[in-house]
Protein backbone atom coordinates (compact mmCIF):
# COMPACT_ATOMS: atom_id res chain seq x y z
CA MET A 1 -28.03 -84.87 27.06
CA SER A 2 -25.00 -85.18 29.26
CA HIS A 3 -22.68 -84.43 26.44
CA SER A 4 -24.49 -81.13 25.64
CA VAL A 5 -24.36 -80.09 29.19
CA SER A 6 -20.68 -80.86 29.22
CA PHE A 7 -20.17 -79.06 25.94
CA LEU A 8 -22.04 -76.04 27.19
CA PHE A 9 -20.03 -75.82 30.38
CA ILE A 10 -16.65 -76.19 28.60
CA SER A 11 -17.71 -73.53 26.03
CA THR A 12 -18.73 -71.25 28.77
CA VAL A 13 -15.40 -71.68 30.64
CA VAL A 14 -13.44 -71.21 27.43
CA LEU A 15 -15.42 -68.02 26.55
CA LEU A 16 -14.85 -66.59 30.11
CA LEU A 17 -11.18 -67.27 29.77
CA ARG A 18 -11.04 -65.41 26.40
CA ILE A 19 -12.86 -62.44 27.98
CA ALA A 20 -10.45 -62.39 30.81
CA THR A 21 -7.53 -62.65 28.58
CA CYS A 22 -8.79 -59.79 26.27
CA GLN A 23 -9.16 -57.54 29.42
CA GLU A 24 -5.77 -58.53 30.72
CA ASP A 25 -4.47 -57.47 27.33
CA LEU A 26 -6.50 -54.11 27.42
CA VAL A 27 -4.88 -53.30 30.71
CA SER A 28 -1.47 -54.23 29.47
CA THR A 29 -1.78 -52.47 26.22
CA THR A 30 -3.09 -49.39 27.69
CA CYS A 31 -0.51 -49.25 30.58
CA SER A 32 2.29 -49.86 28.01
CA GLN A 33 1.18 -46.37 26.57
CA THR A 34 1.74 -44.55 29.80
CA PRO A 35 4.84 -43.09 31.28
CA PHE A 36 4.71 -45.19 34.45
CA ALA A 37 3.58 -48.58 33.14
CA ASP A 38 4.22 -50.44 36.41
CA THR A 39 2.31 -47.89 38.49
CA CYS A 40 -0.51 -48.00 35.94
CA SER A 41 -0.64 -51.90 35.79
CA SER A 42 -0.68 -52.22 39.68
CA SER A 43 -3.25 -49.53 40.31
CA LEU A 44 -5.66 -50.86 37.51
CA ARG A 45 -5.27 -54.40 38.63
CA SER A 46 -5.96 -53.49 42.15
CA ASP A 47 -9.52 -52.55 41.02
CA PRO A 48 -11.88 -55.34 40.07
CA LEU A 49 -13.96 -52.84 37.86
CA SER A 50 -10.88 -52.71 35.52
CA GLN A 51 -11.63 -56.40 34.40
CA ASN A 52 -14.71 -55.29 32.38
CA SER A 53 -13.73 -51.68 31.44
CA ASP A 54 -13.05 -50.29 28.11
CA VAL A 55 -10.24 -47.58 27.87
CA LYS A 56 -12.44 -44.64 29.10
CA GLY A 57 -13.43 -46.92 32.01
CA LEU A 58 -9.64 -47.39 32.75
CA ALA A 59 -9.13 -43.58 32.54
CA THR A 60 -11.86 -43.11 35.11
CA ILE A 61 -10.44 -45.71 37.40
CA THR A 62 -7.02 -44.06 37.10
CA LEU A 63 -8.53 -40.81 38.01
CA GLU A 64 -10.12 -42.27 41.01
CA LYS A 65 -6.83 -43.71 42.08
CA SER A 66 -5.37 -40.27 41.87
CA ILE A 67 -8.20 -38.62 43.82
CA GLU A 68 -7.74 -41.52 46.51
CA LYS A 69 -3.98 -40.84 46.66
CA ALA A 70 -4.47 -37.12 47.15
CA THR A 71 -7.13 -37.78 49.73
CA GLU A 72 -4.81 -40.18 51.64
CA THR A 73 -1.92 -37.67 51.30
CA LYS A 74 -3.97 -34.91 52.64
CA ALA A 75 -5.11 -36.95 55.68
CA HIS A 76 -1.48 -37.91 56.25
CA ILE A 77 -0.43 -34.18 56.21
CA ASP A 78 -3.26 -33.36 58.54
CA TYR A 79 -2.08 -36.18 60.88
CA LEU A 80 1.56 -34.77 60.73
CA ILE A 81 0.40 -31.32 61.63
CA LYS A 82 -1.54 -32.46 64.56
CA LEU A 83 1.34 -34.72 65.62
CA HIS A 84 3.65 -31.71 65.55
CA ASN A 85 6.83 -33.68 65.95
CA PRO A 86 9.26 -31.79 68.42
CA ASN A 87 12.25 -32.54 65.95
CA GLN A 88 10.33 -30.42 63.33
CA THR A 89 11.50 -26.98 62.70
CA GLU A 90 8.97 -24.10 62.39
CA TYR A 91 9.81 -24.02 58.66
CA GLU A 92 9.01 -27.69 58.35
CA PHE A 93 5.78 -27.23 60.13
CA LYS A 94 5.03 -24.23 57.75
CA CYS A 95 5.67 -26.53 54.78
CA LEU A 96 3.19 -29.13 56.07
CA LYS A 97 0.53 -26.48 56.38
CA GLU A 98 1.32 -25.22 52.80
CA CYS A 99 1.13 -28.74 51.50
CA LEU A 100 -2.32 -29.15 53.14
CA VAL A 101 -3.48 -26.19 51.20
CA GLU A 102 -1.87 -27.51 47.94
CA TYR A 103 -3.48 -31.04 48.39
CA SER A 104 -6.76 -29.23 48.96
CA GLU A 105 -6.40 -27.44 45.75
CA ALA A 106 -5.21 -30.68 43.84
CA LEU A 107 -8.41 -32.40 45.03
CA ASP A 108 -10.62 -29.61 43.77
CA ASN A 109 -8.68 -29.67 40.39
CA LEU A 110 -9.12 -33.47 40.09
CA GLN A 111 -12.84 -33.22 40.95
CA GLY A 112 -13.13 -30.60 38.05
CA SER A 113 -11.27 -33.17 35.75
CA TYR A 114 -13.74 -35.80 36.70
CA LEU A 115 -16.69 -33.78 35.38
CA ALA A 116 -14.63 -32.78 32.27
CA LEU A 117 -13.71 -36.30 31.41
CA ASN A 118 -17.50 -37.37 31.70
CA THR A 119 -18.24 -34.62 29.23
CA SER A 120 -15.19 -35.42 26.94
CA SER A 121 -13.75 -31.78 27.61
CA PHE A 122 -10.30 -33.12 27.16
CA ASP A 123 -8.57 -29.64 27.28
CA THR A 124 -10.16 -28.99 30.66
CA VAL A 125 -8.96 -32.50 31.93
CA ASN A 126 -5.47 -31.65 30.88
CA SER A 127 -5.44 -28.24 32.51
CA ASP A 128 -6.99 -29.43 35.77
CA VAL A 129 -4.84 -32.52 36.02
CA ALA A 130 -1.65 -30.45 35.25
CA ALA A 131 -2.71 -27.89 37.87
CA ALA A 132 -3.18 -30.81 40.39
CA MET A 133 0.37 -32.27 39.60
CA SER A 134 1.70 -28.64 39.99
CA ASP A 135 0.21 -28.41 43.47
CA ALA A 136 1.97 -31.59 44.64
CA GLU A 137 5.26 -30.24 43.07
CA SER A 138 4.81 -27.08 44.91
CA CYS A 139 4.37 -29.02 48.18
CA GLU A 140 7.68 -30.95 47.59
CA ASN A 141 9.37 -27.81 46.33
CA GLY A 142 8.69 -26.08 49.66
CA TYR A 143 10.89 -28.69 51.42
CA GLU A 144 13.67 -28.23 48.81
CA GLU A 145 13.79 -24.50 49.01
CA GLU A 146 15.22 -24.64 52.48
CA GLN A 147 18.65 -26.05 52.45
CA LEU A 148 19.06 -26.16 56.32
CA LEU A 149 16.12 -28.53 56.98
CA GLN A 150 16.74 -31.04 59.77
CA ASN A 151 14.44 -33.62 58.28
CA PRO A 152 13.75 -34.50 54.63
CA SER A 153 10.27 -34.07 53.32
CA PRO A 154 8.04 -36.78 54.79
CA LEU A 155 5.84 -36.49 51.76
CA THR A 156 8.30 -37.24 48.88
CA GLU A 157 7.20 -40.85 48.13
CA ARG A 158 3.47 -39.92 48.34
CA ASN A 159 4.06 -36.70 45.92
CA LYS A 160 5.94 -39.15 43.54
CA ILE A 161 3.26 -41.82 43.31
CA PHE A 162 0.56 -39.06 43.20
CA SER A 163 2.51 -37.52 40.12
CA GLU A 164 2.77 -40.96 38.41
CA LEU A 165 -0.86 -41.54 38.77
CA CYS A 166 -1.82 -38.27 37.27
CA SER A 167 0.66 -38.71 34.33
CA ASN A 168 -0.79 -42.05 33.58
CA PHE A 169 -4.26 -40.63 33.76
CA LEU A 170 -3.32 -37.91 31.24
CA ALA A 171 -1.82 -40.55 28.92
CA ILE A 172 -4.87 -42.72 29.19
CA THR A 173 -7.13 -39.59 28.41
CA THR A 174 -5.07 -38.94 25.36
CA LEU A 175 -5.92 -42.45 24.23
CA VAL A 176 -9.59 -41.97 24.99
CA SER A 177 -9.60 -38.54 23.06
CA LYS A 178 -8.31 -40.38 19.92
CA MET A 179 -11.23 -42.87 19.83
């Protein structure tokens, strides 16, 4: 009886390790097909739900990470507006207000793509996410248009990561659409 319990225990451990390895391979395989594989891998591995997800689940997690980044960025912009740094020019303050509007629109677009993903409306997903990425790009471009800015954009890194997350989401969605 003791040997059968030991065998059962060892078999269970081996099976769990194989499942974990397969999921690890799914994340690696999926992320290797995205334009920003490191961002993909770190964002998916940071979410415990990715361990048991299929490719569509990984797409959903990546979309949720994009929404999370947009929400964080919007909150940061709101904080910067309320802070109203005295070293900030009026143009820079105006850029922040524009970015707040842009990220509100980006969030609306991403919410639309969430529904579209769930109904497998991949054209809508693509257009909604492209619009969200365009919103972030418009935010960054507002700072770049004025050559005499005293301070660089405080949002460059956030805009970059947001764009990478969205690009990865589109790539994973393309994989889902081919299934």
